[in-house]
Amino acid sequence: MGVTGNGDYLFWVTQPADTPDEWTIAVNEALRAPWFTYNGSLTEFLVSVLNGTTTVPMFPKDLLDHAPAFTPSTLKSSTPAAAARTPVSTRAIRDWANANGYDLPERGRIPIEIIEARKQENPN
C-alpha cells in the first residue's frame, strides 16, 4: 500500500480477504527479511508509530526527532478543465515510449516518469 522514503514497504495483510476492516499491517525493508507486523488497522498503525507507542525496527531511530513532514500530491484535483481533456490510451503511451527508447513491457503499470515525459513532448 505504500513505501517510505527509506525504501521500506508497507503492506496490508489481506486475510480474511472479504473483511478489509480486519486487515493488519506488515512492513518490510526493501522486500527482504525480516518482516514487522502490526495487529491493527492502517490508521492505528500510523497513530501508534507517530506517537512513539510502536517502534518499527527498520524505520530510522531518529524518526520522531523531527516533526512529520507531509508532501502534497503533485496530481491535480479534478476540475472542469481536467474533465474536458480526452483520455489517452495506454497503447498510445506504450507506442510512444517504445518509439522513444524506453523499455516498456506490453502489460503492467506504466511508470509515471514515462507518462510525464510523453506529456512534456505532447502537451495536448
N, C-alpha and C. Protein backbone atom coordinates (compact mmCIF):
# COMPACT_ATOMS: atom_id res chain seq x y z
N MET A 1 0.81 -1.20 0.00
CA MET A 1 0.00 0.00 0.00
C MET A 1 0.85 1.26 0.00
N GLY A 2 2.12 1.15 0.39
CA GLY A 2 2.94 2.34 0.45
C GLY A 2 4.41 2.01 0.58
N VAL A 3 5.22 3.05 0.47
CA VAL A 3 6.66 2.90 0.62
C VAL A 3 7.19 4.15 1.30
N THR A 4 8.15 3.97 2.19
CA THR A 4 8.74 5.11 2.89
C THR A 4 9.86 5.70 2.07
N GLY A 5 10.35 6.85 2.48
CA GLY A 5 11.49 7.48 1.82
C GLY A 5 12.75 6.64 1.91
N ASN A 6 12.80 5.72 2.87
CA ASN A 6 13.97 4.85 3.05
C ASN A 6 13.86 3.56 2.26
N GLY A 7 12.75 3.37 1.55
CA GLY A 7 12.57 2.15 0.77
C GLY A 7 11.92 1.02 1.53
N ASP A 8 11.33 1.30 2.69
CA ASP A 8 10.59 0.28 3.43
C ASP A 8 9.19 0.19 2.84
N TYR A 9 8.72 -1.03 2.61
CA TYR A 9 7.41 -1.24 2.01
C TYR A 9 6.37 -1.56 3.08
N LEU A 10 5.19 -0.96 2.95
CA LEU A 10 4.08 -1.22 3.85
C LEU A 10 3.01 -1.97 3.08
N PHE A 11 2.52 -3.05 3.68
CA PHE A 11 1.53 -3.91 3.04
C PHE A 11 0.32 -4.08 3.94
N TRP A 12 -0.84 -4.28 3.33
CA TRP A 12 -1.99 -4.78 4.06
C TRP A 12 -1.89 -6.29 4.02
N VAL A 13 -2.10 -6.94 5.16
CA VAL A 13 -2.22 -8.39 5.21
C VAL A 13 -3.70 -8.67 5.00
N THR A 14 -4.04 -9.06 3.81
CA THR A 14 -5.44 -9.11 3.37
C THR A 14 -6.11 -10.43 3.72
N GLN A 15 -6.02 -10.79 4.99
CA GLN A 15 -6.68 -12.00 5.49
C GLN A 15 -7.57 -11.63 6.65
N PRO A 16 -8.79 -12.05 6.67
CA PRO A 16 -9.53 -12.72 5.60
C PRO A 16 -9.86 -11.74 4.49
N ALA A 17 -9.83 -12.22 3.27
CA ALA A 17 -9.95 -11.36 2.08
C ALA A 17 -11.25 -10.59 2.03
N ASP A 18 -12.32 -11.12 2.56
CA ASP A 18 -13.62 -10.47 2.44
C ASP A 18 -13.96 -9.54 3.61
N THR A 19 -12.99 -9.31 4.50
CA THR A 19 -13.24 -8.40 5.64
C THR A 19 -12.09 -7.40 5.79
N PRO A 20 -12.04 -6.38 4.94
CA PRO A 20 -10.93 -5.43 4.96
C PRO A 20 -10.80 -4.67 6.28
N ASP A 21 -11.86 -4.57 7.06
CA ASP A 21 -11.74 -3.90 8.35
C ASP A 21 -10.87 -4.68 9.33
N GLU A 22 -10.58 -5.93 9.03
CA GLU A 22 -9.75 -6.76 9.90
C GLU A 22 -8.32 -6.91 9.38
N TRP A 23 -8.01 -6.33 8.23
CA TRP A 23 -6.68 -6.45 7.67
C TRP A 23 -5.66 -5.78 8.60
N THR A 24 -4.50 -6.39 8.71
CA THR A 24 -3.42 -5.84 9.54
C THR A 24 -2.32 -5.29 8.64
N ILE A 25 -1.23 -4.87 9.24
CA ILE A 25 -0.15 -4.19 8.52
C ILE A 25 1.13 -5.01 8.62
N ALA A 26 1.90 -5.04 7.53
CA ALA A 26 3.23 -5.64 7.53
C ALA A 26 4.19 -4.63 6.91
N VAL A 27 5.39 -4.55 7.48
CA VAL A 27 6.43 -3.65 6.98
C VAL A 27 7.64 -4.50 6.63
N ASN A 28 8.25 -4.18 5.50
CA ASN A 28 9.39 -4.94 5.02
C ASN A 28 10.43 -3.98 4.48
N GLU A 29 11.69 -4.29 4.74
CA GLU A 29 12.80 -3.45 4.29
C GLU A 29 13.26 -3.91 2.92
N ALA A 30 12.89 -3.12 1.90
CA ALA A 30 13.33 -3.38 0.51
C ALA A 30 13.06 -4.81 0.08
N LEU A 31 11.91 -5.33 0.46
CA LEU A 31 11.46 -6.67 0.08
C LEU A 31 12.43 -7.77 0.49
N ARG A 32 13.04 -7.60 1.67
CA ARG A 32 13.93 -8.62 2.24
C ARG A 32 13.43 -8.95 3.65
N ALA A 33 13.90 -10.05 4.19
CA ALA A 33 13.61 -10.38 5.59
C ALA A 33 14.38 -9.41 6.46
N PRO A 34 13.93 -9.08 7.63
CA PRO A 34 12.76 -9.59 8.34
C PRO A 34 11.51 -8.75 8.06
N TRP A 35 10.38 -9.28 8.46
CA TRP A 35 9.11 -8.58 8.36
C TRP A 35 8.70 -8.11 9.74
N PHE A 36 8.11 -6.93 9.81
CA PHE A 36 7.50 -6.44 11.04
C PHE A 36 5.99 -6.43 10.80
N THR A 37 5.23 -6.97 11.75
CA THR A 37 3.78 -6.96 11.60
C THR A 37 3.15 -6.18 12.74
N TYR A 38 2.05 -5.54 12.41
CA TYR A 38 1.28 -4.76 13.37
C TYR A 38 -0.16 -5.26 13.32
N ASN A 39 -0.68 -5.66 14.45
CA ASN A 39 -2.03 -6.21 14.51
C ASN A 39 -3.03 -5.09 14.75
N GLY A 40 -3.34 -4.38 13.69
CA GLY A 40 -4.28 -3.27 13.77
C GLY A 40 -4.46 -2.65 12.40
N SER A 41 -5.33 -1.67 12.33
CA SER A 41 -5.63 -1.00 11.06
C SER A 41 -4.49 -0.06 10.66
N LEU A 42 -4.56 0.45 9.44
CA LEU A 42 -3.56 1.42 8.97
C LEU A 42 -3.57 2.67 9.84
N THR A 43 -4.75 3.16 10.16
CA THR A 43 -4.84 4.36 10.99
C THR A 43 -4.23 4.11 12.36
N GLU A 44 -4.56 2.97 12.96
CA GLU A 44 -3.99 2.64 14.28
C GLU A 44 -2.48 2.52 14.20
N PHE A 45 -1.98 1.93 13.12
CA PHE A 45 -0.54 1.79 12.93
C PHE A 45 0.14 3.15 12.85
N LEU A 46 -0.40 4.03 12.01
CA LEU A 46 0.20 5.36 11.85
C LEU A 46 0.18 6.15 13.16
N VAL A 47 -0.93 6.12 13.84
CA VAL A 47 -1.03 6.83 15.13
C VAL A 47 -0.02 6.26 16.11
N SER A 48 0.06 4.94 16.17
CA SER A 48 0.96 4.29 17.12
C SER A 48 2.43 4.59 16.83
N VAL A 49 2.80 4.59 15.55
CA VAL A 49 4.19 4.90 15.19
C VAL A 49 4.49 6.37 15.46
N LEU A 50 3.59 7.26 15.06
CA LEU A 50 3.86 8.70 15.19
C LEU A 50 3.77 9.21 16.62
N ASN A 51 3.06 8.48 17.49
CA ASN A 51 3.05 8.93 18.89
C ASN A 51 4.10 8.19 19.72
N GLY A 52 4.90 7.32 19.08
CA GLY A 52 6.01 6.66 19.76
C GLY A 52 5.64 5.39 20.49
N THR A 53 4.40 4.95 20.41
CA THR A 53 3.98 3.73 21.09
C THR A 53 4.55 2.49 20.42
N THR A 54 4.65 2.50 19.10
CA THR A 54 5.18 1.38 18.33
C THR A 54 6.48 1.79 17.66
N THR A 55 7.49 0.94 17.81
CA THR A 55 8.77 1.15 17.14
C THR A 55 8.92 0.08 16.08
N VAL A 56 9.11 0.51 14.85
CA VAL A 56 9.32 -0.41 13.74
C VAL A 56 10.83 -0.52 13.54
N PRO A 57 11.40 -1.72 13.73
CA PRO A 57 12.86 -1.86 13.70
C PRO A 57 13.54 -1.30 12.45
N MET A 58 12.88 -1.38 11.28
CA MET A 58 13.55 -0.91 10.07
C MET A 58 13.41 0.59 9.85
N PHE A 59 12.57 1.26 10.63
CA PHE A 59 12.44 2.72 10.50
C PHE A 59 13.63 3.38 11.19
N PRO A 60 14.05 4.55 10.73
CA PRO A 60 15.20 5.23 11.34
C PRO A 60 14.98 5.49 12.84
N LYS A 61 16.05 5.36 13.59
CA LYS A 61 15.97 5.58 15.05
C LYS A 61 15.53 7.01 15.37
N ASP A 62 15.88 7.96 14.50
CA ASP A 62 15.54 9.37 14.76
C ASP A 62 14.24 9.78 14.08
N LEU A 63 13.38 8.81 13.76
CA LEU A 63 12.14 9.09 13.05
C LEU A 63 11.31 10.19 13.71
N LEU A 64 11.24 10.18 15.02
CA LEU A 64 10.39 11.13 15.73
C LEU A 64 11.16 12.34 16.25
N ASP A 65 12.44 12.46 15.91
CA ASP A 65 13.22 13.62 16.36
C ASP A 65 12.76 14.91 15.70
N HIS A 66 12.14 14.81 14.56
CA HIS A 66 11.65 15.97 13.83
C HIS A 66 10.16 15.78 13.59
N ALA A 67 9.46 16.86 13.46
CA ALA A 67 8.02 16.77 13.20
C ALA A 67 7.80 16.06 11.86
N PRO A 68 6.76 15.24 11.77
CA PRO A 68 6.48 14.60 10.48
C PRO A 68 6.25 15.64 9.39
N ALA A 69 6.75 15.36 8.21
CA ALA A 69 6.54 16.25 7.07
C ALA A 69 5.66 15.53 6.07
N PHE A 70 4.70 16.22 5.55
CA PHE A 70 3.80 15.65 4.55
C PHE A 70 3.98 16.41 3.25
N THR A 71 4.17 15.67 2.18
CA THR A 71 4.34 16.26 0.86
C THR A 71 3.03 16.11 0.10
N PRO A 72 2.43 17.21 -0.30
CA PRO A 72 1.17 17.09 -1.05
C PRO A 72 1.40 16.41 -2.38
N SER A 73 0.38 15.75 -2.84
CA SER A 73 0.43 15.08 -4.13
C SER A 73 0.64 16.10 -5.24
N THR A 74 1.35 15.67 -6.28
CA THR A 74 1.53 16.55 -7.44
C THR A 74 0.38 16.40 -8.42
N LEU A 75 -0.53 15.47 -8.13
CA LEU A 75 -1.68 15.28 -9.01
C LEU A 75 -2.68 16.40 -8.78
N LYS A 76 -3.21 16.93 -9.83
CA LYS A 76 -4.21 17.99 -9.75
C LYS A 76 -5.56 17.38 -9.42
N SER A 77 -6.34 18.11 -8.67
CA SER A 77 -7.69 17.63 -8.40
C SER A 77 -8.52 17.74 -9.66
N SER A 78 -9.59 17.01 -9.68
CA SER A 78 -10.44 17.01 -10.86
C SER A 78 -11.15 18.36 -10.99
N THR A 79 -10.91 19.02 -12.09
CA THR A 79 -11.53 20.31 -12.36
C THR A 79 -12.27 20.21 -13.68
N PRO A 80 -13.16 21.14 -13.97
CA PRO A 80 -13.84 21.09 -15.27
C PRO A 80 -12.87 21.04 -16.44
N ALA A 81 -11.78 21.79 -16.36
CA ALA A 81 -10.81 21.78 -17.47
C ALA A 81 -10.17 20.40 -17.60
N ALA A 82 -9.85 19.79 -16.45
CA ALA A 82 -9.25 18.45 -16.50
C ALA A 82 -10.24 17.43 -17.02
N ALA A 83 -11.49 17.57 -16.64
CA ALA A 83 -12.51 16.63 -17.09
C ALA A 83 -12.74 16.74 -18.60
N ALA A 84 -12.48 17.89 -19.18
CA ALA A 84 -12.72 18.10 -20.61
C ALA A 84 -11.63 17.46 -21.48
N ARG A 85 -10.48 17.14 -20.88
CA ARG A 85 -9.40 16.54 -21.66
C ARG A 85 -9.78 15.15 -22.14
N THR A 86 -9.33 14.82 -23.31
CA THR A 86 -9.58 13.50 -23.86
C THR A 86 -8.58 12.52 -23.24
N PRO A 87 -9.06 11.39 -22.70
CA PRO A 87 -8.13 10.42 -22.13
C PRO A 87 -7.21 9.86 -23.21
N VAL A 88 -6.01 9.49 -22.82
CA VAL A 88 -5.03 8.92 -23.73
C VAL A 88 -4.97 7.43 -23.46
N SER A 89 -4.96 6.64 -24.50
CA SER A 89 -4.93 5.19 -24.31
C SER A 89 -3.54 4.75 -23.86
N THR A 90 -3.52 3.69 -23.08
CA THR A 90 -2.23 3.15 -22.66
C THR A 90 -1.46 2.62 -23.86
N ARG A 91 -2.15 2.17 -24.89
CA ARG A 91 -1.49 1.71 -26.11
C ARG A 91 -0.71 2.85 -26.74
N ALA A 92 -1.32 4.05 -26.79
CA ALA A 92 -0.63 5.22 -27.37
C ALA A 92 0.61 5.56 -26.55
N ILE A 93 0.50 5.47 -25.24
CA ILE A 93 1.66 5.76 -24.37
C ILE A 93 2.75 4.72 -24.60
N ARG A 94 2.37 3.44 -24.65
CA ARG A 94 3.35 2.38 -24.87
C ARG A 94 4.04 2.53 -26.23
N ASP A 95 3.26 2.83 -27.26
CA ASP A 95 3.84 3.04 -28.60
C ASP A 95 4.83 4.20 -28.59
N TRP A 96 4.45 5.31 -27.93
CA TRP A 96 5.34 6.46 -27.84
C TRP A 96 6.61 6.09 -27.09
N ALA A 97 6.44 5.40 -25.96
CA ALA A 97 7.60 5.02 -25.13
C ALA A 97 8.56 4.13 -25.91
N ASN A 98 8.04 3.12 -26.57
CA ASN A 98 8.90 2.21 -27.33
C ASN A 98 9.58 2.93 -28.49
N ALA A 99 8.90 3.87 -29.12
CA ALA A 99 9.49 4.63 -30.23
C ALA A 99 10.54 5.62 -29.74
N ASN A 100 10.52 5.94 -28.44
CA ASN A 100 11.46 6.92 -27.90
C ASN A 100 12.50 6.29 -26.98
N GLY A 101 12.74 4.99 -27.14
CA GLY A 101 13.84 4.34 -26.45
C GLY A 101 13.56 3.85 -25.04
N TYR A 102 12.33 3.91 -24.59
CA TYR A 102 12.00 3.37 -23.27
C TYR A 102 11.74 1.87 -23.40
N ASP A 103 12.21 1.10 -22.46
CA ASP A 103 11.98 -0.34 -22.44
C ASP A 103 10.73 -0.59 -21.60
N LEU A 104 9.61 -0.70 -22.26
CA LEU A 104 8.32 -0.81 -21.58
C LEU A 104 7.64 -2.10 -22.01
N PRO A 105 7.33 -3.00 -21.06
CA PRO A 105 6.66 -4.24 -21.44
C PRO A 105 5.25 -3.98 -21.96
N GLU A 106 4.69 -4.96 -22.63
CA GLU A 106 3.36 -4.84 -23.22
C GLU A 106 2.25 -4.78 -22.18
N ARG A 107 2.50 -5.28 -21.01
CA ARG A 107 1.48 -5.28 -19.96
C ARG A 107 2.06 -4.71 -18.68
N GLY A 108 1.18 -4.32 -17.78
CA GLY A 108 1.60 -3.83 -16.48
C GLY A 108 1.51 -2.32 -16.38
N ARG A 109 1.85 -1.83 -15.21
CA ARG A 109 1.77 -0.41 -14.90
C ARG A 109 2.78 0.37 -15.71
N ILE A 110 2.36 1.51 -16.20
CA ILE A 110 3.26 2.41 -16.92
C ILE A 110 3.86 3.38 -15.90
N PRO A 111 5.18 3.41 -15.76
CA PRO A 111 5.79 4.31 -14.77
C PRO A 111 5.42 5.77 -15.03
N ILE A 112 5.20 6.50 -13.96
CA ILE A 112 4.79 7.91 -14.06
C ILE A 112 5.83 8.72 -14.82
N GLU A 113 7.10 8.35 -14.73
CA GLU A 113 8.15 9.09 -15.42
C GLU A 113 7.92 9.06 -16.94
N ILE A 114 7.45 7.92 -17.44
CA ILE A 114 7.20 7.81 -18.88
C ILE A 114 5.97 8.63 -19.25
N ILE A 115 4.94 8.57 -18.44
CA ILE A 115 3.73 9.35 -18.70
C ILE A 115 4.06 10.84 -18.72
N GLU A 116 4.85 11.29 -17.74
CA GLU A 116 5.22 12.71 -17.66
C GLU A 116 6.11 13.11 -18.84
N ALA A 117 7.04 12.23 -19.25
CA ALA A 117 7.90 12.55 -20.40
C ALA A 117 7.07 12.70 -21.67
N ARG A 118 6.09 11.82 -21.84
CA ARG A 118 5.21 11.93 -23.02
C ARG A 118 4.39 13.21 -22.97
N LYS A 119 3.88 13.57 -21.79
CA LYS A 119 3.11 14.80 -21.65
C LYS A 119 3.94 16.03 -22.02
N GLN A 120 5.21 16.04 -21.61
CA GLN A 120 6.07 17.18 -21.94
C GLN A 120 6.27 17.30 -23.45
N GLU A 121 6.37 16.18 -24.11
CA GLU A 121 6.56 16.21 -25.57
C GLU A 121 5.25 16.48 -26.31
N ASN A 122 4.15 16.00 -25.74
CA ASN A 122 2.83 16.15 -26.36
C ASN A 122 1.87 16.77 -25.35
N PRO A 123 1.94 18.08 -25.11
CA PRO A 123 1.13 18.69 -24.06
C PRO A 123 -0.37 18.61 -24.27
N ASN A 124 -0.85 18.39 -25.46
CA ASN A 124 -2.30 18.36 -25.72
C ASN A 124 -2.82 16.99 -25.70
